[in-house]
Structure formats: C-alpha cells, structure tokens
Amino acid sequence: MNYWLMKSEPSVYGIADLEQDKQTIWDGVRNYQARNFCARCSLAI
C-alpha cells in the first residue's frame, strides 16, 4: 500500500488550520505527475 504526505506552506494552510477544519481539499497542483498521483490516492483512515 502506498501513502502520500501532502504538504502546504504554513503561511498558506498550516497544520493548525487542518486541526481546526479536520478535513480539506488539496488543489492548485501544477506538476502533472504529482496531480496524477493525487488523483489516484484514496483516503487512509
């Protein structure tokens, strides 16, 4: 099973924001290969 760690700059969307929101979407991926990997990801619970 593969896992991917999605990251954002703290000034854009930090871990405190994620803790408060509990769930979010990740958009704005400019690298086509990374975008394709993200599309194939499933939630890991």
N, C-alpha and C. Protein backbone atom coordinates (compact mmCIF):
# COMPACT_ATOMS: atom_id res chain seq x y z
N MET A 1 0.84 -1.17 0.00
CA MET A 1 0.00 0.00 0.00
C MET A 1 0.89 1.24 0.00
N ASN A 2 0.54 2.22 -0.81
CA ASN A 2 1.30 3.47 -0.89
C ASN A 2 0.64 4.55 -0.07
N TYR A 3 1.47 5.40 0.51
CA TYR A 3 0.98 6.56 1.26
C TYR A 3 1.65 7.80 0.72
N TRP A 4 0.92 8.88 0.70
CA TRP A 4 1.46 10.16 0.24
C TRP A 4 1.23 11.20 1.32
N LEU A 5 2.24 11.97 1.59
CA LEU A 5 2.12 13.08 2.52
C LEU A 5 1.93 14.35 1.70
N MET A 6 0.80 15.00 1.87
CA MET A 6 0.52 16.23 1.15
C MET A 6 0.92 17.41 2.03
N LYS A 7 1.58 18.38 1.47
CA LYS A 7 2.14 19.47 2.24
C LYS A 7 1.77 20.81 1.62
N SER A 8 1.69 21.81 2.49
CA SER A 8 1.44 23.18 2.05
C SER A 8 2.33 24.10 2.89
N GLU A 9 2.58 25.27 2.40
CA GLU A 9 3.35 26.24 3.18
C GLU A 9 2.51 26.70 4.37
N PRO A 10 3.12 26.82 5.54
CA PRO A 10 2.37 27.21 6.74
C PRO A 10 1.64 28.54 6.59
N SER A 11 2.18 29.44 5.80
CA SER A 11 1.53 30.73 5.62
C SER A 11 0.29 30.63 4.73
N VAL A 12 0.20 29.52 3.97
CA VAL A 12 -0.95 29.32 3.08
C VAL A 12 -2.01 28.48 3.79
N TYR A 13 -1.62 27.34 4.33
CA TYR A 13 -2.54 26.45 5.05
C TYR A 13 -1.69 25.59 5.96
N GLY A 14 -1.68 25.93 7.23
CA GLY A 14 -0.81 25.25 8.19
C GLY A 14 -1.50 24.10 8.90
N ILE A 15 -0.72 23.40 9.72
CA ILE A 15 -1.25 22.26 10.46
C ILE A 15 -2.33 22.71 11.44
N ALA A 16 -2.23 23.92 11.98
CA ALA A 16 -3.27 24.43 12.88
C ALA A 16 -4.59 24.58 12.14
N ASP A 17 -4.52 25.01 10.87
CA ASP A 17 -5.74 25.12 10.06
C ASP A 17 -6.37 23.74 9.85
N LEU A 18 -5.54 22.75 9.55
CA LEU A 18 -6.04 21.39 9.34
C LEU A 18 -6.64 20.82 10.61
N GLU A 19 -6.00 21.06 11.75
CA GLU A 19 -6.54 20.57 13.02
C GLU A 19 -7.92 21.17 13.28
N GLN A 20 -8.10 22.42 12.94
CA GLN A 20 -9.38 23.08 13.15
C GLN A 20 -10.44 22.59 12.16
N ASP A 21 -10.06 22.45 10.88
CA ASP A 21 -11.00 22.06 9.83
C ASP A 21 -11.29 20.56 9.82
N LYS A 22 -10.36 19.74 10.29
CA LYS A 22 -10.45 18.27 10.30
C LYS A 22 -10.33 17.62 8.93
N GLN A 23 -10.70 18.31 7.87
CA GLN A 23 -10.64 17.76 6.52
C GLN A 23 -10.58 18.91 5.53
N THR A 24 -9.88 18.72 4.42
CA THR A 24 -9.78 19.77 3.42
C THR A 24 -9.51 19.15 2.05
N ILE A 25 -9.52 19.97 1.03
CA ILE A 25 -9.12 19.52 -0.30
C ILE A 25 -7.76 20.11 -0.62
N TRP A 26 -7.06 19.48 -1.51
CA TRP A 26 -5.75 19.98 -1.93
C TRP A 26 -5.86 20.29 -3.41
N ASP A 27 -5.77 21.57 -3.75
CA ASP A 27 -5.88 21.97 -5.14
C ASP A 27 -4.69 22.84 -5.53
N GLY A 28 -4.63 23.22 -6.77
CA GLY A 28 -3.54 24.07 -7.22
C GLY A 28 -2.27 23.31 -7.55
N VAL A 29 -2.36 22.01 -7.84
CA VAL A 29 -1.19 21.22 -8.17
C VAL A 29 -0.78 21.55 -9.61
N ARG A 30 0.44 22.04 -9.77
CA ARG A 30 0.91 22.44 -11.10
C ARG A 30 1.73 21.36 -11.80
N ASN A 31 2.32 20.47 -11.03
CA ASN A 31 3.12 19.40 -11.60
C ASN A 31 2.17 18.28 -12.05
N TYR A 32 2.19 17.94 -13.33
CA TYR A 32 1.24 16.97 -13.87
C TYR A 32 1.41 15.59 -13.26
N GLN A 33 2.64 15.17 -13.04
CA GLN A 33 2.86 13.85 -12.44
C GLN A 33 2.32 13.82 -11.01
N ALA A 34 2.58 14.87 -10.24
CA ALA A 34 2.05 14.94 -8.87
C ALA A 34 0.53 14.97 -8.88
N ARG A 35 -0.05 15.73 -9.82
CA ARG A 35 -1.51 15.80 -9.93
C ARG A 35 -2.09 14.43 -10.20
N ASN A 36 -1.45 13.66 -11.09
CA ASN A 36 -1.95 12.32 -11.41
C ASN A 36 -1.83 11.39 -10.21
N PHE A 37 -0.74 11.49 -9.44
CA PHE A 37 -0.60 10.68 -8.23
C PHE A 37 -1.71 11.02 -7.24
N CYS A 38 -2.00 12.31 -7.08
CA CYS A 38 -3.04 12.74 -6.15
C CYS A 38 -4.40 12.19 -6.57
N ALA A 39 -4.66 12.17 -7.85
CA ALA A 39 -5.94 11.68 -8.35
C ALA A 39 -6.12 10.20 -8.05
N ARG A 40 -5.02 9.45 -7.97
CA ARG A 40 -5.11 8.01 -7.70
C ARG A 40 -5.11 7.69 -6.22
N CYS A 41 -4.89 8.68 -5.37
CA CYS A 41 -4.85 8.46 -3.92
C CYS A 41 -6.25 8.14 -3.40
N SER A 42 -6.27 7.37 -2.35
CA SER A 42 -7.51 7.14 -1.62
C SER A 42 -7.27 7.54 -0.17
N LEU A 43 -8.36 7.76 0.56
CA LEU A 43 -8.22 8.15 1.96
C LEU A 43 -7.62 7.02 2.77
N ALA A 44 -6.65 7.35 3.59
CA ALA A 44 -6.06 6.38 4.51
C ALA A 44 -6.59 6.70 5.91
N ILE A 45 -7.41 5.82 6.41
CA ILE A 45 -8.02 6.06 7.72
C ILE A 45 -7.50 5.05 8.70
